Structure formats: structure tokens, C-alpha cells
N, C-alpha and C. Protein backbone atom coordinates (compact mmCIF):
# COMPACT_ATOMS: atom_id res chain seq x y z
N MET A 1 58.15 31.01 -101.17
CA MET A 1 58.05 30.47 -99.83
C MET A 1 57.11 31.32 -99.01
N VAL A 2 56.28 30.70 -98.24
CA VAL A 2 55.33 31.41 -97.41
C VAL A 2 56.06 31.94 -96.19
N MET A 3 55.83 33.20 -95.90
CA MET A 3 56.46 33.82 -94.74
C MET A 3 55.35 34.24 -93.78
N GLY A 4 55.70 34.48 -92.56
CA GLY A 4 54.72 35.00 -91.61
C GLY A 4 54.40 34.01 -90.51
N ALA A 5 53.28 34.26 -89.88
CA ALA A 5 52.90 33.53 -88.67
C ALA A 5 52.79 32.01 -88.87
N PRO A 6 52.07 31.51 -89.89
CA PRO A 6 51.97 30.04 -90.01
C PRO A 6 53.33 29.37 -90.20
N SER A 7 54.19 30.02 -90.98
CA SER A 7 55.52 29.46 -91.21
C SER A 7 56.34 29.44 -89.91
N GLU A 8 56.26 30.54 -89.16
CA GLU A 8 56.98 30.61 -87.89
C GLU A 8 56.42 29.61 -86.89
N ASP A 9 55.09 29.50 -86.83
CA ASP A 9 54.46 28.53 -85.92
C ASP A 9 54.92 27.12 -86.24
N THR A 10 54.96 26.80 -87.51
CA THR A 10 55.39 25.47 -87.93
C THR A 10 56.83 25.22 -87.52
N ARG A 11 57.68 26.19 -87.73
CA ARG A 11 59.09 26.06 -87.36
C ARG A 11 59.23 25.84 -85.86
N HIS A 12 58.49 26.62 -85.06
CA HIS A 12 58.57 26.48 -83.61
C HIS A 12 58.04 25.13 -83.14
N LEU A 13 56.94 24.68 -83.75
CA LEU A 13 56.40 23.37 -83.39
C LEU A 13 57.39 22.26 -83.71
N ALA A 14 58.03 22.36 -84.86
CA ALA A 14 59.02 21.34 -85.24
C ALA A 14 60.20 21.34 -84.26
N GLN A 15 60.63 22.52 -83.84
CA GLN A 15 61.73 22.60 -82.87
C GLN A 15 61.32 22.02 -81.52
N ARG A 16 60.11 22.35 -81.08
CA ARG A 16 59.62 21.80 -79.81
C ARG A 16 59.49 20.29 -79.88
N TYR A 17 58.99 19.79 -81.00
CA TYR A 17 58.84 18.35 -81.18
C TYR A 17 60.22 17.68 -81.13
N ASP A 18 61.20 18.27 -81.80
CA ASP A 18 62.55 17.70 -81.82
C ASP A 18 63.14 17.68 -80.41
N ARG A 19 62.95 18.76 -79.66
CA ARG A 19 63.46 18.83 -78.28
C ARG A 19 62.78 17.77 -77.42
N MET A 20 61.46 17.62 -77.58
CA MET A 20 60.72 16.64 -76.80
C MET A 20 61.13 15.21 -77.17
N ARG A 21 61.42 14.98 -78.45
CA ARG A 21 61.86 13.66 -78.89
C ARG A 21 63.19 13.30 -78.24
N ARG A 22 64.11 14.28 -78.17
CA ARG A 22 65.40 14.03 -77.51
C ARG A 22 65.21 13.72 -76.03
N GLU A 23 64.29 14.46 -75.38
CA GLU A 23 63.98 14.17 -73.97
C GLU A 23 63.43 12.76 -73.80
N ALA A 24 62.55 12.35 -74.70
CA ALA A 24 61.96 11.01 -74.63
C ALA A 24 63.03 9.94 -74.82
N GLU A 25 63.97 10.18 -75.73
CA GLU A 25 65.06 9.22 -75.92
C GLU A 25 65.90 9.10 -74.66
N ALA A 26 66.23 10.24 -74.04
CA ALA A 26 67.01 10.22 -72.80
C ALA A 26 66.23 9.52 -71.69
N GLN A 27 64.93 9.77 -71.63
CA GLN A 27 64.10 9.14 -70.60
C GLN A 27 64.00 7.63 -70.83
N ALA A 28 63.94 7.20 -72.08
CA ALA A 28 63.90 5.76 -72.38
C ALA A 28 65.19 5.09 -71.90
N ILE A 29 66.31 5.77 -72.06
CA ILE A 29 67.58 5.23 -71.57
C ILE A 29 67.55 5.14 -70.05
N GLU A 30 67.01 6.18 -69.41
CA GLU A 30 66.89 6.19 -67.95
C GLU A 30 66.01 5.03 -67.47
N VAL A 31 64.89 4.79 -68.14
CA VAL A 31 64.01 3.68 -67.77
C VAL A 31 64.75 2.36 -67.90
N SER A 32 65.50 2.21 -68.97
CA SER A 32 66.26 0.98 -69.18
C SER A 32 67.27 0.75 -68.05
N LYS A 33 67.96 1.81 -67.66
CA LYS A 33 68.94 1.69 -66.56
C LYS A 33 68.24 1.32 -65.26
N ARG A 34 67.11 1.95 -65.00
CA ARG A 34 66.38 1.66 -63.76
C ARG A 34 65.82 0.23 -63.75
N GLN A 35 65.42 -0.26 -64.91
CA GLN A 35 64.95 -1.66 -65.00
C GLN A 35 66.09 -2.61 -64.65
N ALA A 36 67.29 -2.29 -65.16
CA ALA A 36 68.45 -3.13 -64.85
C ALA A 36 68.75 -3.10 -63.35
N ARG A 37 68.65 -1.93 -62.71
CA ARG A 37 68.90 -1.81 -61.27
C ARG A 37 67.88 -2.62 -60.47
N VAL A 38 66.62 -2.57 -60.89
CA VAL A 38 65.58 -3.32 -60.17
C VAL A 38 65.87 -4.81 -60.26
N ARG A 39 66.31 -5.28 -61.45
CA ARG A 39 66.65 -6.71 -61.60
C ARG A 39 67.85 -7.08 -60.74
N GLU A 40 68.83 -6.18 -60.66
CA GLU A 40 70.05 -6.46 -59.88
C GLU A 40 69.77 -6.49 -58.39
N THR A 41 68.92 -5.60 -57.91
CA THR A 41 68.66 -5.50 -56.47
C THR A 41 67.46 -6.33 -56.04
N LEU A 42 66.95 -7.14 -56.93
CA LEU A 42 65.84 -8.04 -56.64
C LEU A 42 64.63 -7.34 -56.03
N GLY A 43 64.22 -6.27 -56.68
CA GLY A 43 62.97 -5.62 -56.29
C GLY A 43 63.07 -4.69 -55.11
N ASN A 44 64.19 -4.01 -54.93
CA ASN A 44 64.32 -3.02 -53.87
C ASN A 44 63.20 -2.00 -54.04
N PRO A 45 62.39 -1.78 -52.99
CA PRO A 45 61.21 -0.89 -53.10
C PRO A 45 61.56 0.53 -53.58
N GLU A 46 62.68 1.06 -53.16
CA GLU A 46 63.07 2.41 -53.59
C GLU A 46 63.35 2.44 -55.09
N ASN A 47 64.07 1.43 -55.58
CA ASN A 47 64.37 1.36 -57.02
C ASN A 47 63.11 1.11 -57.85
N VAL A 48 62.20 0.31 -57.32
CA VAL A 48 60.94 0.05 -58.02
C VAL A 48 60.13 1.34 -58.14
N MET A 49 60.11 2.12 -57.07
CA MET A 49 59.38 3.38 -57.08
C MET A 49 60.00 4.36 -58.10
N LYS A 50 61.33 4.43 -58.13
CA LYS A 50 62.01 5.30 -59.10
C LYS A 50 61.75 4.82 -60.54
N LEU A 51 61.71 3.51 -60.74
CA LEU A 51 61.42 2.96 -62.06
C LEU A 51 60.00 3.34 -62.50
N LYS A 52 59.03 3.18 -61.61
CA LYS A 52 57.65 3.55 -61.94
C LYS A 52 57.54 5.04 -62.27
N SER A 53 58.26 5.86 -61.54
CA SER A 53 58.25 7.30 -61.80
C SER A 53 58.85 7.60 -63.19
N ALA A 54 59.96 6.96 -63.51
CA ALA A 54 60.61 7.16 -64.81
C ALA A 54 59.72 6.67 -65.94
N GLU A 55 59.04 5.53 -65.74
CA GLU A 55 58.12 5.01 -66.76
C GLU A 55 56.94 5.95 -66.98
N THR A 56 56.44 6.52 -65.89
CA THR A 56 55.32 7.47 -66.00
C THR A 56 55.74 8.71 -66.77
N LYS A 57 56.94 9.21 -66.45
CA LYS A 57 57.44 10.39 -67.15
C LYS A 57 57.62 10.08 -68.65
N LEU A 58 58.13 8.90 -68.97
CA LEU A 58 58.30 8.51 -70.38
C LEU A 58 56.95 8.44 -71.08
N GLN A 59 55.96 7.88 -70.43
CA GLN A 59 54.62 7.78 -71.02
C GLN A 59 54.03 9.17 -71.26
N ASP A 60 54.24 10.09 -70.31
CA ASP A 60 53.76 11.47 -70.48
C ASP A 60 54.45 12.13 -71.68
N LEU A 61 55.75 11.93 -71.81
CA LEU A 61 56.47 12.50 -72.94
C LEU A 61 55.94 11.95 -74.26
N LYS A 62 55.68 10.65 -74.29
CA LYS A 62 55.16 10.05 -75.53
C LYS A 62 53.79 10.61 -75.90
N SER A 63 52.91 10.76 -74.93
CA SER A 63 51.58 11.29 -75.24
C SER A 63 51.67 12.76 -75.66
N ASN A 64 52.54 13.53 -75.01
CA ASN A 64 52.73 14.93 -75.41
C ASN A 64 53.33 15.02 -76.81
N MET A 65 54.23 14.10 -77.14
CA MET A 65 54.80 14.09 -78.49
C MET A 65 53.72 13.80 -79.53
N ALA A 66 52.81 12.90 -79.21
CA ALA A 66 51.74 12.58 -80.15
C ALA A 66 50.86 13.80 -80.40
N ILE A 67 50.52 14.51 -79.34
CA ILE A 67 49.68 15.71 -79.48
C ILE A 67 50.43 16.78 -80.28
N LEU A 68 51.67 17.02 -79.91
CA LEU A 68 52.47 18.04 -80.60
C LEU A 68 52.70 17.65 -82.05
N GLY A 69 52.88 16.37 -82.32
CA GLY A 69 53.07 15.91 -83.69
C GLY A 69 51.84 16.19 -84.54
N LYS A 70 50.65 16.00 -83.98
CA LYS A 70 49.42 16.29 -84.71
C LYS A 70 49.30 17.78 -84.99
N GLU A 71 49.62 18.61 -84.00
CA GLU A 71 49.57 20.06 -84.19
C GLU A 71 50.56 20.49 -85.28
N ALA A 72 51.75 19.93 -85.24
CA ALA A 72 52.76 20.28 -86.25
C ALA A 72 52.33 19.84 -87.64
N THR A 73 51.70 18.69 -87.73
CA THR A 73 51.22 18.20 -89.03
C THR A 73 50.17 19.14 -89.60
N VAL A 74 49.25 19.59 -88.77
CA VAL A 74 48.21 20.54 -89.22
C VAL A 74 48.88 21.84 -89.68
N ALA A 75 49.83 22.32 -88.91
CA ALA A 75 50.52 23.57 -89.27
C ALA A 75 51.28 23.42 -90.59
N MET A 76 51.96 22.28 -90.77
CA MET A 76 52.69 22.05 -92.02
C MET A 76 51.74 21.96 -93.21
N THR A 77 50.59 21.34 -93.00
CA THR A 77 49.60 21.24 -94.07
C THR A 77 49.09 22.62 -94.45
N THR A 78 48.87 23.47 -93.47
CA THR A 78 48.42 24.84 -93.73
C THR A 78 49.45 25.61 -94.54
N VAL A 79 50.70 25.51 -94.14
CA VAL A 79 51.77 26.21 -94.86
C VAL A 79 51.89 25.67 -96.29
N GLU A 80 51.79 24.37 -96.44
CA GLU A 80 51.87 23.77 -97.78
C GLU A 80 50.73 24.26 -98.67
N ALA A 81 49.52 24.34 -98.11
CA ALA A 81 48.37 24.81 -98.89
C ALA A 81 48.57 26.27 -99.30
N GLN A 82 49.12 27.08 -98.39
CA GLN A 82 49.40 28.48 -98.73
C GLN A 82 50.43 28.57 -99.85
N GLN A 83 51.45 27.73 -99.77
CA GLN A 83 52.48 27.74 -100.80
C GLN A 83 51.89 27.34 -102.16
N GLN A 84 51.02 26.36 -102.16
CA GLN A 84 50.40 25.92 -103.41
C GLN A 84 49.50 27.00 -103.99
N ARG A 85 48.73 27.68 -103.14
CA ARG A 85 47.87 28.77 -103.63
C ARG A 85 48.71 29.91 -104.21
N LEU A 86 49.77 30.25 -103.52
CA LEU A 86 50.66 31.32 -103.98
C LEU A 86 51.29 30.95 -105.32
N THR A 87 51.74 29.72 -105.44
CA THR A 87 52.33 29.26 -106.70
C THR A 87 51.31 29.30 -107.83
N LEU A 88 50.10 28.86 -107.57
CA LEU A 88 49.06 28.88 -108.59
C LEU A 88 48.76 30.32 -109.02
N GLN A 89 48.65 31.22 -108.06
CA GLN A 89 48.40 32.62 -108.38
C GLN A 89 49.52 33.20 -109.26
N ARG A 90 50.76 32.85 -108.94
CA ARG A 90 51.89 33.33 -109.74
C ARG A 90 51.86 32.76 -111.15
N LEU A 91 51.52 31.48 -111.27
CA LEU A 91 51.43 30.87 -112.59
C LEU A 91 50.32 31.50 -113.43
N ILE A 92 49.17 31.72 -112.81
CA ILE A 92 48.05 32.34 -113.54
C ILE A 92 48.45 33.75 -113.98
N ALA A 93 49.09 34.50 -113.10
CA ALA A 93 49.52 35.86 -113.46
C ALA A 93 50.54 35.81 -114.60
N MET A 94 51.44 34.83 -114.58
CA MET A 94 52.44 34.69 -115.62
C MET A 94 51.78 34.36 -116.96
N VAL A 95 50.82 33.46 -116.93
CA VAL A 95 50.11 33.08 -118.16
C VAL A 95 49.33 34.28 -118.69
N GLU A 96 48.61 34.98 -117.82
CA GLU A 96 47.84 36.15 -118.25
C GLU A 96 48.75 37.23 -118.83
N ALA A 97 49.91 37.44 -118.21
CA ALA A 97 50.85 38.45 -118.71
C ALA A 97 51.39 38.06 -120.08
N SER A 98 51.73 36.80 -120.25
CA SER A 98 52.28 36.38 -121.54
C SER A 98 51.20 36.42 -122.63
N VAL A 99 49.95 36.09 -122.27
CA VAL A 99 48.86 36.16 -123.25
C VAL A 99 48.59 37.61 -123.64
N SER A 100 48.61 38.51 -122.65
CA SER A 100 48.35 39.92 -122.96
C SER A 100 49.48 40.53 -123.79
N GLU A 101 50.68 39.97 -123.69
CA GLU A 101 51.80 40.45 -124.50
C GLU A 101 51.87 39.74 -125.85
N GLY A 102 50.96 38.82 -126.08
CA GLY A 102 50.92 38.10 -127.34
C GLY A 102 51.94 36.98 -127.42
N ILE A 103 52.43 36.52 -126.29
CA ILE A 103 53.41 35.43 -126.24
C ILE A 103 52.67 34.14 -125.92
N ASN A 104 53.08 33.06 -126.58
CA ASN A 104 52.50 31.75 -126.31
C ASN A 104 52.95 31.31 -124.90
N PRO A 105 52.03 31.04 -123.98
CA PRO A 105 52.42 30.70 -122.61
C PRO A 105 53.01 29.29 -122.45
N LYS A 106 52.83 28.45 -123.44
CA LYS A 106 53.29 27.06 -123.31
C LYS A 106 54.79 26.96 -123.04
N PRO A 107 55.68 27.63 -123.83
CA PRO A 107 57.12 27.53 -123.52
C PRO A 107 57.48 28.09 -122.15
N VAL A 108 56.79 29.16 -121.75
CA VAL A 108 57.05 29.75 -120.43
C VAL A 108 56.71 28.75 -119.33
N LEU A 109 55.55 28.09 -119.47
CA LEU A 109 55.13 27.11 -118.48
C LEU A 109 56.05 25.88 -118.47
N GLN A 110 56.49 25.46 -119.65
CA GLN A 110 57.40 24.32 -119.70
C GLN A 110 58.71 24.66 -119.00
N ASN A 111 59.20 25.87 -119.20
CA ASN A 111 60.43 26.29 -118.54
C ASN A 111 60.23 26.33 -117.02
N GLN A 112 59.10 26.87 -116.58
CA GLN A 112 58.80 26.92 -115.16
C GLN A 112 58.67 25.50 -114.58
N GLY A 113 58.05 24.61 -115.35
CA GLY A 113 57.91 23.22 -114.90
C GLY A 113 59.26 22.55 -114.73
N ALA A 114 60.17 22.79 -115.66
CA ALA A 114 61.51 22.20 -115.55
C ALA A 114 62.24 22.77 -114.34
N ASN A 115 62.11 24.08 -114.12
CA ASN A 115 62.74 24.71 -112.95
C ASN A 115 62.15 24.14 -111.65
N HIS A 116 60.84 23.96 -111.65
CA HIS A 116 60.17 23.42 -110.47
C HIS A 116 60.62 21.99 -110.18
N ASP A 117 60.72 21.18 -111.23
CA ASP A 117 61.15 19.79 -111.04
C ASP A 117 62.54 19.72 -110.45
N ALA A 118 63.46 20.56 -110.97
CA ALA A 118 64.84 20.57 -110.45
C ALA A 118 64.85 21.03 -108.99
N GLU A 119 64.07 22.07 -108.69
CA GLU A 119 64.00 22.57 -107.32
C GLU A 119 63.39 21.53 -106.39
N GLN A 120 62.36 20.85 -106.85
CA GLN A 120 61.68 19.83 -106.05
C GLN A 120 62.64 18.69 -105.71
N GLU A 121 63.41 18.25 -106.68
CA GLU A 121 64.36 17.17 -106.45
C GLU A 121 65.41 17.58 -105.44
N SER A 122 65.95 18.79 -105.58
CA SER A 122 66.99 19.22 -104.64
C SER A 122 66.38 19.44 -103.26
N HIS A 123 65.16 19.97 -103.19
CA HIS A 123 64.50 20.21 -101.91
C HIS A 123 64.18 18.90 -101.21
N CYS A 124 63.71 17.91 -101.94
CA CYS A 124 63.38 16.62 -101.33
C CYS A 124 64.64 15.93 -100.81
N GLY A 125 65.74 16.08 -101.51
CA GLY A 125 67.00 15.49 -101.04
C GLY A 125 67.43 16.11 -99.73
N LYS A 126 67.24 17.42 -99.56
CA LYS A 126 67.59 18.09 -98.32
C LYS A 126 66.67 17.66 -97.19
N LEU A 127 65.40 17.41 -97.50
CA LEU A 127 64.46 17.00 -96.47
C LEU A 127 64.80 15.64 -95.90
N HIS A 128 65.42 14.81 -96.68
CA HIS A 128 65.76 13.46 -96.21
C HIS A 128 66.64 13.52 -94.98
N VAL A 129 67.58 14.46 -94.94
CA VAL A 129 68.47 14.59 -93.81
C VAL A 129 67.70 15.02 -92.57
N ARG A 130 66.76 15.97 -92.70
CA ARG A 130 65.98 16.45 -91.57
C ARG A 130 64.93 15.46 -91.13
N ALA A 131 64.52 14.57 -92.03
CA ALA A 131 63.43 13.65 -91.71
C ALA A 131 63.82 12.75 -90.55
N VAL A 132 65.08 12.40 -90.46
CA VAL A 132 65.53 11.54 -89.38
C VAL A 132 65.48 12.28 -88.06
N ALA A 133 65.75 13.59 -88.09
CA ALA A 133 65.88 14.35 -86.86
C ALA A 133 64.59 15.01 -86.40
N THR A 134 63.60 15.22 -87.28
CA THR A 134 62.42 15.95 -86.84
C THR A 134 61.14 15.20 -87.15
N LEU A 135 60.25 15.84 -87.84
CA LEU A 135 58.90 15.32 -88.02
C LEU A 135 58.69 14.51 -89.29
N GLU A 136 59.72 14.06 -89.90
CA GLU A 136 59.63 13.33 -91.16
C GLU A 136 58.82 14.13 -92.18
N PRO A 137 59.37 15.28 -92.64
CA PRO A 137 58.64 16.09 -93.63
C PRO A 137 58.31 15.28 -94.86
N LYS A 138 57.22 15.63 -95.47
CA LYS A 138 56.79 14.94 -96.68
C LYS A 138 56.96 15.86 -97.86
N CYS A 139 57.20 15.26 -98.99
CA CYS A 139 57.41 16.02 -100.20
C CYS A 139 56.48 15.46 -101.26
N LEU A 140 55.78 16.33 -101.96
CA LEU A 140 54.86 15.86 -103.00
C LEU A 140 55.57 15.84 -104.34
N ILE A 141 55.60 14.68 -104.96
CA ILE A 141 56.17 14.53 -106.29
C ILE A 141 55.04 14.12 -107.21
N PRO A 142 54.82 14.86 -108.31
CA PRO A 142 53.72 14.48 -109.20
C PRO A 142 53.95 13.10 -109.80
N LYS A 143 52.93 12.30 -109.79
CA LYS A 143 53.00 10.97 -110.39
C LYS A 143 52.62 11.13 -111.86
N GLN A 144 53.51 10.74 -112.75
CA GLN A 144 53.24 10.90 -114.16
C GLN A 144 53.07 9.54 -114.81
N ASP A 145 52.04 9.42 -115.61
CA ASP A 145 51.79 8.15 -116.28
C ASP A 145 52.30 8.16 -117.71
N GLY A 146 52.89 9.28 -118.15
CA GLY A 146 53.44 9.36 -119.49
C GLY A 146 52.41 9.72 -120.54
N LEU A 147 51.12 9.71 -120.21
CA LEU A 147 50.08 10.00 -121.18
C LEU A 147 49.61 11.45 -121.09
N ASN A 148 49.30 11.90 -119.90
CA ASN A 148 48.72 13.23 -119.71
C ASN A 148 49.62 14.05 -118.80
N ASN A 149 50.51 14.83 -119.36
CA ASN A 149 51.43 15.62 -118.56
C ASN A 149 51.16 17.11 -118.69
N LYS A 150 49.97 17.53 -119.09
CA LYS A 150 49.66 18.93 -119.29
C LYS A 150 49.24 19.57 -117.98
N LEU A 151 49.50 20.87 -117.87
CA LEU A 151 49.11 21.62 -116.70
C LEU A 151 47.70 22.15 -116.89
N GLN A 152 46.83 21.94 -115.93
CA GLN A 152 45.45 22.41 -116.01
C GLN A 152 45.34 23.68 -115.17
N LEU A 153 45.12 24.82 -115.82
CA LEU A 153 45.05 26.08 -115.11
C LEU A 153 43.63 26.61 -114.97
N PHE A 154 42.84 26.51 -115.99
CA PHE A 154 41.51 27.11 -115.97
C PHE A 154 40.46 26.01 -115.94
N GLY A 155 39.32 26.26 -115.31
CA GLY A 155 38.24 25.35 -115.04
C GLY A 155 37.88 24.28 -116.05
N ASP A 156 38.81 23.60 -116.63
CA ASP A 156 38.51 22.49 -117.54
C ASP A 156 38.08 21.31 -116.69
N SER A 157 36.91 20.76 -116.97
CA SER A 157 36.38 19.70 -116.13
C SER A 157 37.08 18.37 -116.34
N SER A 158 37.72 18.18 -117.49
CA SER A 158 38.44 16.93 -117.69
C SER A 158 39.87 17.10 -117.21
N PRO A 159 40.32 16.23 -116.31
CA PRO A 159 41.67 16.39 -115.77
C PRO A 159 42.71 16.13 -116.87
N SER A 160 43.64 17.07 -116.99
CA SER A 160 44.68 16.90 -118.00
C SER A 160 46.03 16.66 -117.37
N SER A 161 46.07 16.57 -116.06
CA SER A 161 47.32 16.20 -115.39
C SER A 161 46.97 15.25 -114.25
N THR A 162 47.93 14.46 -113.87
CA THR A 162 47.67 13.55 -112.76
C THR A 162 47.85 14.30 -111.47
N GLN A 163 47.12 13.89 -110.44
CA GLN A 163 47.22 14.54 -109.14
C GLN A 163 48.52 14.11 -108.48
N PRO A 164 49.16 15.03 -107.72
CA PRO A 164 50.37 14.65 -107.02
C PRO A 164 50.08 13.56 -106.01
N GLU A 165 50.97 12.63 -105.93
CA GLU A 165 50.84 11.56 -104.97
C GLU A 165 51.91 11.75 -103.91
N PRO A 166 51.57 11.77 -102.63
CA PRO A 166 52.58 12.03 -101.62
C PRO A 166 53.64 10.94 -101.60
N LEU A 167 54.86 11.38 -101.52
CA LEU A 167 56.00 10.48 -101.42
C LEU A 167 56.68 10.82 -100.12
N GLU A 168 56.68 9.91 -99.18
CA GLU A 168 57.25 10.20 -97.88
C GLU A 168 58.76 10.03 -97.95
N ILE A 169 59.44 11.04 -97.43
CA ILE A 169 60.89 11.02 -97.35
C ILE A 169 61.23 10.72 -95.92
N GLY A 170 62.10 9.80 -95.70
CA GLY A 170 62.49 9.49 -94.31
C GLY A 170 62.60 8.01 -94.10
N ASP A 171 62.37 7.62 -92.81
CA ASP A 171 62.51 6.20 -92.43
C ASP A 171 61.51 5.33 -93.15
């Protein structure tokens, strides 16, 4: 797991987005109540003014949520890229260590792949619960066609594994 500033920034952005989303939901309820009051009082100028103010505040919250959502998405993408680079570096080091010890790296990589798949499944299941409450985190699951399931580590120009296809978890 990536630790440090990008990870903390992402966490803070997600928390701010969640707080702002709750505010927007409360404001939408307020707008709905004020619309009902305007209909009941047949256009009382004071109620109309309060309704316009509540609608403006709701619109501001929505636009701020859109901006914050974009920032959070960029931050999450950065953290994900760091995690992928770190994982690749660890795999390369593991393969190099096993080769230098005279061990065939294939069983080691297969074991790591099985561990990763199990972790990915459990992690994606946990994200589903948070997806409803926050930024709808995405989880990458490799798409396998059953033909080419090999891991490509070194500059082989012919792809020997399929690229991960994003699978969105959430609504």
C-alpha cells in the first residue's frame, strides 16, 4: 500500500467530498420543503426569495462537488499508479532474487498471482460498501480470455497477458 502525502491527500479529498455530498442532500431536502411552501402560500415574495436562495446554494454545492470529485479522481489515479509501480518493482525483485538463487520463478509468480487474486476479490467486495457512501471507488480486475494468461515482466514486444479492464464497483 502506498503511504505518504498522495495517499493522505486522497483520503482527505474523499472525506471532504463525502461531507459535501451530505450537505447537498440536506440542501436538496430544504429546497423541496421551500418549493412546497411557495406552492402553499401562492407565491409569497418572502418564501420565493428564500427558495431562490436555497436553490442557489444547492447549485453552488453541486458545482463544488463536481470540482472536488475531479480532484479526488486525479489523486486516486496517482495513488493507484504508485501502487502499480511499487508492485511491479517488488515482482521484478522477487524474480531476480529467485533467478539468482537458481530457483524457477514461475511457481513463485503463480503463488503471488493466486494471492493477489484472492486479495483483489476481498478488496473489491469491501469497496462496494464504500462506493455508495463516497466517490464510487473503482477496482481493476484483469480480463482473461483463457488463451494468454502469462505475466509479462521484461520488454517482450508481444503482449502475453491481457490488459486489465476497469470494473466499476458501485451503483
